Protein backbone atom coordinates (compact mmCIF):
# COMPACT_ATOMS: atom_id res chain seq x y z
CA MET A 1 23.31 131.88 99.77
CA GLU A 2 22.85 131.45 96.27
CA ASN A 3 22.31 127.36 94.68
CA ARG A 4 24.92 126.51 92.17
CA LYS A 5 25.08 123.80 89.92
CA ARG A 6 28.26 121.46 90.50
CA PHE A 7 28.57 121.71 86.97
CA GLY A 8 27.20 123.29 83.92
CA VAL A 9 23.99 125.66 83.30
CA ASN A 10 20.89 125.07 85.59
CA ARG A 11 18.30 122.68 84.64
CA ASP A 12 14.93 122.12 86.02
CA SER A 13 14.82 118.08 86.13
CA ASN A 14 11.15 118.21 86.97
CA LYS A 15 10.00 119.50 83.90
CA ARG A 16 8.66 116.47 81.70
CA SER A 17 8.16 116.12 78.01
CA TYR A 18 6.80 113.62 76.11
CA ALA A 19 6.68 115.30 72.61
CA PRO A 20 7.53 113.46 69.79
CA ARG A 21 11.21 113.99 68.50
CA PRO A 22 13.05 112.22 65.89
CA GLN A 23 15.06 108.73 66.65
CA SER A 24 17.15 106.79 64.81
CA THR A 25 15.70 103.85 63.58
CA ALA A 26 18.87 102.02 64.67
CA ASP A 27 18.80 102.95 67.91
CA PHE A 28 16.08 101.19 68.98
CA VAL A 29 13.47 98.12 68.80
CA PHE A 30 9.70 97.38 69.70
CA GLY A 31 6.89 94.70 70.05
CA VAL A 32 7.87 92.02 72.40
CA GLN A 33 8.96 89.72 69.97
CA SER A 34 11.61 91.98 68.54
CA VAL A 35 12.77 92.65 71.99
CA LEU A 36 13.30 89.21 72.58
CA GLU A 37 15.61 88.75 69.40
CA LEU A 38 17.44 91.22 70.66
CA LEU A 39 17.79 90.24 74.12
CA LYS A 40 18.95 86.90 72.72
CA SER A 41 21.84 88.31 70.71
CA GLU A 42 24.88 89.68 71.74
CA LYS A 43 24.22 93.07 71.60
CA ASP A 44 24.12 94.81 74.55
CA ILE A 45 20.87 97.07 75.71
CA GLU A 46 20.77 100.45 77.15
CA LYS A 47 17.73 100.45 78.73
CA ILE A 48 14.31 98.93 77.98
CA LEU A 49 10.73 101.14 78.42
CA VAL A 50 7.81 98.91 79.01
CA GLN A 51 4.26 100.61 79.94
CA LYS A 52 3.54 100.71 83.28
CA ASP A 53 1.15 97.52 83.46
CA PHE A 54 3.22 95.32 81.09
CA SER A 55 4.32 91.74 81.99
CA HIS A 56 6.20 89.20 80.09
CA PRO A 57 8.19 86.55 82.71
CA GLU A 58 10.17 85.67 79.83
CA LEU A 59 11.27 89.20 78.27
CA GLU A 60 12.11 90.12 82.41
CA GLN A 61 14.18 87.16 82.66
CA LEU A 62 16.32 87.74 79.57
CA ALA A 63 17.15 91.59 80.76
CA ARG A 64 18.08 90.30 84.21
CA SER A 65 20.76 87.81 82.58
CA LYS A 66 21.82 90.73 80.64
CA ARG A 67 22.00 93.03 83.05
CA ALA A 68 19.39 95.55 81.00
CA ILE A 69 17.48 97.92 83.03
CA ILE A 70 13.74 98.03 82.70
CA GLN A 71 11.80 101.36 82.95
CA LYS A 72 8.25 101.26 83.44
CA VAL A 73 7.26 104.66 81.68
CA PRO A 74 3.42 105.57 80.86
CA VAL A 75 2.05 104.85 77.45
CA GLU A 76 2.34 107.96 76.20
CA LYS A 77 6.10 108.09 76.58
CA LEU A 78 6.75 104.92 74.11
CA ASN A 79 4.19 106.70 71.76
CA SER A 80 6.39 109.96 71.75
CA ILE A 81 9.09 107.09 70.26
CA THR A 82 7.38 105.65 67.83
CA ARG A 83 3.46 105.78 65.94
CA LYS A 84 3.84 102.18 65.58
CA ASN A 85 2.21 99.20 67.80
CA HIS A 86 4.85 98.63 70.23
CA GLN A 87 2.92 96.82 72.62
CA GLY A 88 4.14 98.09 75.20
CA VAL A 89 7.60 97.63 75.05
CA LEU A 90 11.10 99.56 73.38
CA ALA A 91 14.32 98.77 73.64
CA PHE A 92 17.41 100.69 73.05
CA ALA A 93 20.19 98.54 71.71
CA SER A 94 23.76 99.79 72.91
CA PRO A 95 26.46 100.94 69.64
CA ILE A 96 29.09 99.29 71.94
CA ASN A 97 29.72 96.46 73.68
CA TYR A 98 30.26 97.09 77.59
CA ALA A 99 33.69 95.55 79.31
CA THR A 100 34.08 94.14 82.55
CA LEU A 101 35.74 95.95 84.56
CA SER A 102 38.38 93.06 86.06
CA THR A 103 39.03 91.98 82.86
CA VAL A 104 40.16 96.07 82.08
CA ILE A 105 42.19 96.17 84.81
CA ALA A 106 44.19 93.02 84.44
CA SER A 107 45.02 93.78 80.62
CA SER A 108 46.34 97.53 82.21
CA TYR A 109 48.63 95.61 84.91
CA GLU A 110 50.08 92.84 82.31
CA SER A 111 50.83 95.48 79.56
CA GLY A 112 53.28 97.06 82.57
CA ARG A 113 51.91 100.67 83.04
CA ALA A 114 49.77 102.33 85.38
CA PRO A 115 46.29 102.00 84.30
CA ILE A 116 43.86 105.19 84.47
CA VAL A 117 39.98 104.53 85.31
CA LEU A 118 37.37 107.08 85.01
CA LEU A 119 34.15 107.29 87.30
CA LEU A 120 31.49 109.00 86.09
CA ASP A 121 28.66 109.38 89.08
CA ARG A 122 24.99 110.02 87.81
CA LEU A 123 26.65 111.91 84.49
CA THR A 124 23.19 111.97 82.72
CA ASP A 125 24.16 114.81 79.94
CA VAL A 126 24.84 112.59 76.51
CA ARG A 127 27.21 115.08 75.23
CA ASN A 128 29.21 115.85 77.99
CA PHE A 129 29.38 112.08 78.33
CA GLY A 130 30.88 112.15 74.59
CA ALA A 131 32.52 114.89 75.27
CA ILE A 132 34.90 113.06 78.36
CA ALA A 133 34.94 110.07 76.17
CA ARG A 134 37.22 111.80 73.76
CA THR A 135 39.08 113.54 76.30
CA ALA A 136 39.31 109.95 78.11
CA GLU A 137 40.63 108.42 74.93
CA ALA A 138 43.32 111.10 74.29
CA CYS A 139 44.86 111.28 77.61
CA GLY A 140 45.01 107.02 77.72
CA VAL A 141 42.04 106.36 80.20
CA ASP A 142 41.67 102.57 80.33
CA ALA A 143 38.20 102.47 81.32
CA ILE A 144 35.08 104.66 81.65
CA VAL A 145 33.23 103.02 84.72
CA VAL A 146 29.12 104.70 84.90
CA PRO A 147 26.86 102.87 87.12
CA THR A 148 23.73 100.95 85.66
CA LYS A 149 20.93 103.03 86.57
CA GLY A 150 20.97 107.02 86.32
CA ALA A 151 23.62 107.37 83.33
CA ALA A 152 23.90 108.87 79.99
CA GLN A 153 22.83 107.12 76.97
CA ILE A 154 25.07 105.89 75.05
CA ASN A 155 23.37 106.59 71.86
CA ALA A 156 24.65 108.28 68.23
CA ASP A 157 24.53 111.48 69.79
CA ALA A 158 27.45 110.24 72.09
CA MET A 159 29.10 108.32 69.57
CA LYS A 160 29.27 111.87 67.47
CA THR A 161 30.18 113.96 69.94
CA SER A 162 32.92 111.07 71.41
CA SER A 163 34.43 111.89 67.81
CA GLY A 164 34.35 107.71 67.61
CA ALA A 165 36.52 107.59 70.61
CA LEU A 166 33.88 105.27 72.31
CA SER A 167 34.87 103.08 69.64
CA HIS A 168 38.15 102.76 71.35
CA ILE A 169 38.03 103.10 74.88
CA ALA A 170 36.46 100.61 77.46
CA VAL A 171 33.00 101.24 79.14
CA CYS A 172 32.10 99.09 82.37
CA ARG A 173 28.68 99.12 83.54
CA GLU A 174 28.56 98.85 87.70
CA THR A 175 26.04 98.15 89.73
CA ASP A 176 27.28 100.16 92.82
CA LEU A 177 29.86 102.69 92.48
CA SER A 178 30.84 102.84 96.16
CA LYS A 179 31.68 98.70 95.95
CA THR A 180 33.44 100.03 92.29
CA VAL A 181 35.92 102.25 93.93
CA ILE A 182 36.60 99.67 96.49
CA LEU A 183 37.61 97.40 93.94
CA LEU A 184 39.62 99.66 92.50
CA GLN A 185 41.24 100.20 95.86
CA GLU A 186 42.17 96.70 96.66
CA SER A 187 43.37 96.31 93.17
CA GLY A 188 45.79 98.68 94.02
CA PHE A 189 44.36 102.17 92.64
CA LYS A 190 44.12 105.68 94.44
CA VAL A 191 40.95 106.61 94.30
CA MET A 192 40.31 110.50 94.07
CA ALA A 193 37.29 112.43 94.02
CA CYS A 194 37.03 115.65 92.63
CA THR A 195 34.52 118.04 94.69
CA GLU A 196 34.32 121.63 95.39
CA LYS A 197 34.44 119.99 99.06
CA ALA A 198 37.76 119.03 98.98
CA ALA A 199 40.12 121.37 100.77
CA ASN A 200 43.37 120.36 98.52
CA ASN A 201 44.05 120.86 94.79
CA TYR A 202 43.72 118.63 92.02
CA TYR A 203 48.03 119.08 91.05
CA GLY A 204 49.22 118.43 94.67
CA THR A 205 48.35 114.97 94.83
CA ASP A 206 50.70 111.79 93.25
CA MET A 207 49.24 110.68 89.99
CA ILE A 208 51.70 108.27 88.84
CA GLY A 209 50.76 105.62 90.36
CA PRO A 210 47.68 103.92 89.16
CA VAL A 211 44.64 106.27 89.95
CA ALA A 212 40.91 106.11 89.25
CA LEU A 213 39.19 110.01 89.20
CA VAL A 214 35.70 110.05 90.03
CA MET A 215 33.47 112.96 88.39
CA GLY A 216 29.86 114.08 89.87
CA SER A 217 26.88 114.91 88.12
CA GLU A 218 26.13 118.38 86.60
CA GLU A 219 23.58 118.87 89.13
CA ASP A 220 24.57 117.52 92.10
CA GLY A 221 28.63 116.88 92.66
CA VAL A 222 29.97 113.31 93.32
CA SER A 223 27.65 111.77 95.99
CA ASP A 224 28.42 111.82 99.69
CA GLY A 225 28.57 108.01 99.59
CA ILE A 226 31.22 107.72 97.35
CA LEU A 227 33.07 110.61 99.17
CA LYS A 228 33.21 108.81 101.91
CA VAL A 229 35.07 105.69 100.74
CA CYS A 230 37.50 107.57 98.26
CA ASP A 231 41.31 108.01 99.03
CA GLU A 232 41.57 112.03 98.50
CA LEU A 233 38.99 114.63 97.46
CA VAL A 234 40.45 116.99 94.93
CA LYS A 235 39.59 120.74 93.90
CA ILE A 236 40.03 122.99 90.85
CA PRO A 237 40.88 126.20 92.17
CA MET A 238 38.51 129.21 90.53
CA LEU A 239 39.10 132.70 90.58
CA GLY A 240 36.58 134.29 88.73
CA GLN A 241 32.95 135.24 89.55
CA VAL A 242 31.79 131.87 87.50
CA GLY A 243 30.88 129.10 90.59
CA SER A 244 31.51 126.20 88.53
CA LEU A 245 33.41 124.49 85.18
CA ASN A 246 31.56 122.43 82.88
CA VAL A 247 31.66 118.49 83.95
CA SER A 248 33.41 117.49 80.84
CA VAL A 249 36.17 120.71 81.20
CA ALA A 250 36.51 120.14 84.41
CA THR A 251 37.39 116.35 83.73
CA ALA A 252 39.84 117.08 80.68
CA VAL A 253 41.86 119.54 83.32
CA VAL A 254 42.20 116.41 85.89
CA LEU A 255 43.04 113.80 83.12
CA TYR A 256 45.74 116.45 81.51
CA GLU A 257 47.52 116.88 85.01
CA VAL A 258 47.70 113.08 84.88
CA LEU A 259 48.95 112.91 81.98
CA ARG A 260 51.51 115.57 82.83
CA GLN A 261 52.69 114.20 86.12
CA ARG A 262 53.11 110.98 83.93
CA MET A 263 55.44 112.43 81.16
CA GLY A 264 57.88 115.00 82.47
């Protein structure tokens, strides 16, 4: 049987390249002292790259306190980002400040309307993320939730693709999306996942009340652990020969059904 991707085009995820590529100097800082100062600031951090043998207890403690991801990489990876003396550490500053999901939920309920939350499971393509954020903001989504690890980096490309939407929508980071699903259910949300494993079409479910939509990665779809705790599984019917939709397109299809039901 042909192995088709859930969303998007096949990619060879095993191929790695450390070839130098252009970076915006506003995206990152490097060197121990610069990274320490960034960690002590109010800015959120996307991730910190450190050389495999790097060790700095103060920096590591500050990173944990800010829930910043530390990723050990070969020195060649750091050298491909900057040719300057990085001292084995480089940090990417986030262009946004992450929100707290519980605060967003409370604020949404206080406004007197049924909130919409979008969860993105392991979605790593930056431009897809930006396009999804643009649609989500247009549809009145209250928050986009991404995992702490294995999510698209919010950088200049994501901001540009979102056409500014990421400046107007809350983005939350959670360590365990399965637990986040349960938290949403306990807060009165119906949680549904869009997956080709579903038996029912997306337009057959009631989306009038508080709803959370889970969309999966381009390669693997929604993980089995998350599917098990969702209230409903839905799919988008397809009649053509192509086996899947791009994840940003699929997200738009379902979000506009939420909007249609609420406006109808």
